[in-house]
Amino acid sequence: SARRKALPGWLHEYNHHRPHTATENRPPITRLTNLSGQYS
């Protein structure tokens, strides 16, 4: 369906680009640490 096809793009925009007031107008992705997996 069209909704299913649109979901990945929407999720990326929401989590990587859209500012959230709960995180001081930063996207949620900025709260994650060690995304590259370099640290254990």
PDB file of N, CA and C in Angstrom:
ATOM      1  N   SER A   1       0.827  -1.182   0.000  1.00  0.00           N
ATOM      2  CA  SER A   1       0.000   0.000   0.000  1.00  0.00           C
ATOM      3  C   SER A   1       0.875   1.251   0.000  1.00  0.00           C
ATOM      4  N   ALA A   2       0.296   2.377  -0.299  1.00  0.00           N
ATOM      5  CA  ALA A   2       1.027   3.648  -0.345  1.00  0.00           C
ATOM      6  C   ALA A   2       1.559   4.027   1.035  1.00  0.00           C
ATOM      7  N   ARG A   3       0.790   3.741   2.062  1.00  0.00           N
ATOM      8  CA  ARG A   3       1.244   4.061   3.428  1.00  0.00           C
ATOM      9  C   ARG A   3       2.483   3.260   3.797  1.00  0.00           C
ATOM     10  N   ARG A   4       2.496   2.001   3.449  1.00  0.00           N
ATOM     11  CA  ARG A   4       3.639   1.142   3.763  1.00  0.00           C
ATOM     12  C   ARG A   4       4.891   1.616   3.037  1.00  0.00           C
ATOM     13  N   LYS A   5       4.749   2.042   1.801  1.00  0.00           N
ATOM     14  CA  LYS A   5       5.893   2.526   1.026  1.00  0.00           C
ATOM     15  C   LYS A   5       6.419   3.856   1.554  1.00  0.00           C
ATOM     16  N   ALA A   6       5.540   4.694   2.082  1.00  0.00           N
ATOM     17  CA  ALA A   6       5.936   6.015   2.573  1.00  0.00           C
ATOM     18  C   ALA A   6       6.559   5.966   3.967  1.00  0.00           C
ATOM     19  N   LEU A   7       6.310   4.911   4.717  1.00  0.00           N
ATOM     20  CA  LEU A   7       6.749   4.852   6.112  1.00  0.00           C
ATOM     21  C   LEU A   7       8.263   4.984   6.304  1.00  0.00           C
ATOM     22  N   PRO A   8       9.122   4.285   5.575  1.00  0.00           N
ATOM     23  CA  PRO A   8      10.562   4.426   5.818  1.00  0.00           C
ATOM     24  C   PRO A   8      11.066   5.859   5.656  1.00  0.00           C
ATOM     25  N   GLY A   9      10.623   6.561   4.651  1.00  0.00           N
ATOM     26  CA  GLY A   9      11.025   7.950   4.453  1.00  0.00           C
ATOM     27  C   GLY A   9      10.525   8.852   5.563  1.00  0.00           C
ATOM     28  N   TRP A  10       9.290   8.618   5.992  1.00  0.00           N
ATOM     29  CA  TRP A  10       8.724   9.418   7.076  1.00  0.00           C
ATOM     30  C   TRP A  10       9.484   9.179   8.376  1.00  0.00           C
ATOM     31  N   LEU A  11       9.793   7.920   8.674  1.00  0.00           N
ATOM     32  CA  LEU A  11      10.533   7.608   9.896  1.00  0.00           C
ATOM     33  C   LEU A  11      11.911   8.256   9.896  1.00  0.00           C
ATOM     34  N   HIS A  12      12.577   8.234   8.754  1.00  0.00           N
ATOM     35  CA  HIS A  12      13.895   8.870   8.668  1.00  0.00           C
ATOM     36  C   HIS A  12      13.780  10.371   8.923  1.00  0.00           C
ATOM     37  N   GLU A  13      12.850  11.012   8.286  1.00  0.00           N
ATOM     38  CA  GLU A  13      12.652  12.457   8.484  1.00  0.00           C
ATOM     39  C   GLU A  13      12.328  12.749   9.950  1.00  0.00           C
ATOM     40  N   TYR A  14      11.445  11.976  10.529  1.00  0.00           N
ATOM     41  CA  TYR A  14      11.001  12.194  11.905  1.00  0.00           C
ATOM     42  C   TYR A  14      12.144  12.019  12.900  1.00  0.00           C
ATOM     43  N   ASN A  15      12.953  10.995  12.715  1.00  0.00           N
ATOM     44  CA  ASN A  15      14.001  10.682  13.685  1.00  0.00           C
ATOM     45  C   ASN A  15      15.335  11.372  13.431  1.00  0.00           C
ATOM     46  N   HIS A  16      15.605  11.779  12.194  1.00  0.00           N
ATOM     47  CA  HIS A  16      16.917  12.339  11.865  1.00  0.00           C
ATOM     48  C   HIS A  16      16.905  13.835  11.576  1.00  0.00           C
ATOM     49  N   HIS A  17      15.769  14.397  11.212  1.00  0.00           N
ATOM     50  CA  HIS A  17      15.754  15.789  10.764  1.00  0.00           C
ATOM     51  C   HIS A  17      14.758  16.680  11.498  1.00  0.00           C
ATOM     52  N   ARG A  18      13.641  16.143  11.909  1.00  0.00           N
ATOM     53  CA  ARG A  18      12.590  16.958  12.527  1.00  0.00           C
ATOM     54  C   ARG A  18      12.966  17.320  13.955  1.00  0.00           C
ATOM     55  N   PRO A  19      12.973  18.617  14.293  1.00  0.00           N
ATOM     56  CA  PRO A  19      13.284  19.003  15.667  1.00  0.00           C
ATOM     57  C   PRO A  19      12.146  18.634  16.620  1.00  0.00           C
ATOM     58  N   HIS A  20      12.506  18.211  17.804  1.00  0.00           N
ATOM     59  CA  HIS A  20      11.533  17.841  18.825  1.00  0.00           C
ATOM     60  C   HIS A  20      11.729  18.746  20.032  1.00  0.00           C
ATOM     61  N   THR A  21      10.668  19.338  20.513  1.00  0.00           N
ATOM     62  CA  THR A  21      10.784  20.245  21.655  1.00  0.00           C
ATOM     63  C   THR A  21      11.260  19.511  22.907  1.00  0.00           C
ATOM     64  N   ALA A  22      10.955  18.242  23.045  1.00  0.00           N
ATOM     65  CA  ALA A  22      11.386  17.482  24.222  1.00  0.00           C
ATOM     66  C   ALA A  22      12.898  17.298  24.268  1.00  0.00           C
ATOM     67  N   THR A  23      13.567  17.447  23.141  1.00  0.00           N
ATOM     68  CA  THR A  23      15.027  17.285  23.093  1.00  0.00           C
ATOM     69  C   THR A  23      15.700  18.595  22.706  1.00  0.00           C
ATOM     70  N   GLU A  24      15.150  19.698  23.194  1.00  0.00           N
ATOM     71  CA  GLU A  24      15.704  21.033  22.940  1.00  0.00           C
ATOM     72  C   GLU A  24      15.818  21.334  21.442  1.00  0.00           C
ATOM     73  N   ASN A  25      14.768  20.993  20.715  1.00  0.00           N
ATOM     74  CA  ASN A  25      14.658  21.221  19.268  1.00  0.00           C
ATOM     75  C   ASN A  25      15.713  20.490  18.453  1.00  0.00           C
ATOM     76  N   ARG A  26      16.186  19.377  18.986  1.00  0.00           N
ATOM     77  CA  ARG A  26      17.101  18.520  18.232  1.00  0.00           C
ATOM     78  C   ARG A  26      16.349  17.261  17.832  1.00  0.00           C
ATOM     79  N   PRO A  27      16.744  16.629  16.736  1.00  0.00           N
ATOM     80  CA  PRO A  27      16.086  15.378  16.356  1.00  0.00           C
ATOM     81  C   PRO A  27      16.445  14.260  17.336  1.00  0.00           C
ATOM     82  N   PRO A  28      15.597  13.261  17.476  1.00  0.00           N
ATOM     83  CA  PRO A  28      15.842  12.178  18.424  1.00  0.00           C
ATOM     84  C   PRO A  28      17.170  11.449  18.208  1.00  0.00           C
ATOM     85  N   ILE A  29      17.632  11.367  16.990  1.00  0.00           N
ATOM     86  CA  ILE A  29      18.869  10.637  16.701  1.00  0.00           C
ATOM     87  C   ILE A  29      20.051  11.204  17.474  1.00  0.00           C
ATOM     88  N   THR A  30      20.002  12.483  17.835  1.00  0.00           N
ATOM     89  CA  THR A  30      21.116  13.096  18.553  1.00  0.00           C
ATOM     90  C   THR A  30      21.241  12.569  19.977  1.00  0.00           C
ATOM     91  N   ARG A  31      20.235  11.897  20.479  1.00  0.00           N
ATOM     92  CA  ARG A  31      20.291  11.345  21.838  1.00  0.00           C
ATOM     93  C   ARG A  31      20.968   9.994  21.883  1.00  0.00           C
ATOM     94  N   LEU A  32      21.156   9.371  20.745  1.00  0.00           N
ATOM     95  CA  LEU A  32      21.793   8.058  20.710  1.00  0.00           C
ATOM     96  C   LEU A  32      23.302   8.205  20.752  1.00  0.00           C
ATOM     97  N   THR A  33      23.951   7.269  21.391  1.00  0.00           N
ATOM     98  CA  THR A  33      25.408   7.262  21.440  1.00  0.00           C
ATOM     99  C   THR A  33      25.930   5.965  20.843  1.00  0.00           C
ATOM    100  N   ASN A  34      27.161   5.992  20.417  1.00  0.00           N
ATOM    101  CA  ASN A  34      27.845   4.811  19.902  1.00  0.00           C
ATOM    102  C   ASN A  34      27.129   4.181  18.711  1.00  0.00           C
ATOM    103  N   LEU A  35      26.676   4.984  17.795  1.00  0.00           N
ATOM    104  CA  LEU A  35      25.984   4.452  16.621  1.00  0.00           C
ATOM    105  C   LEU A  35      26.903   3.625  15.739  1.00  0.00           C
ATOM    106  N   SER A  36      28.179   3.948  15.728  1.00  0.00           N
ATOM    107  CA  SER A  36      29.114   3.210  14.874  1.00  0.00           C
ATOM    108  C   SER A  36      29.523   1.882  15.483  1.00  0.00           C
ATOM    109  N   GLY A  37      29.216   1.662  16.754  1.00  0.00           N
ATOM    110  CA  GLY A  37      29.560   0.409  17.409  1.00  0.00           C
ATOM    111  C   GLY A  37      31.020   0.292  17.793  1.00  0.00           C
ATOM    112  N   GLN A  38      31.723   1.406  17.877  1.00  0.00           N
ATOM    113  CA  GLN A  38      33.144   1.377  18.190  1.00  0.00           C
ATOM    114  C   GLN A  38      33.410   1.126  19.666  1.00  0.00           C
ATOM    115  N   TYR A  39      32.429   1.382  20.506  1.00  0.00           N
ATOM    116  CA  TYR A  39      32.633   1.241  21.939  1.00  0.00           C
ATOM    117  C   TYR A  39      31.714   0.164  22.486  1.00  0.00           C
ATOM    118  N   SER A  40      32.180  -0.533  23.491  1.00  0.00           N
ATOM    119  CA  SER A  40      31.331  -1.578  24.074  1.00  0.00           C
ATOM    120  C   SER A  40      30.860  -1.185  25.451  1.00  0.00           C
TER     121      SER A  40
END
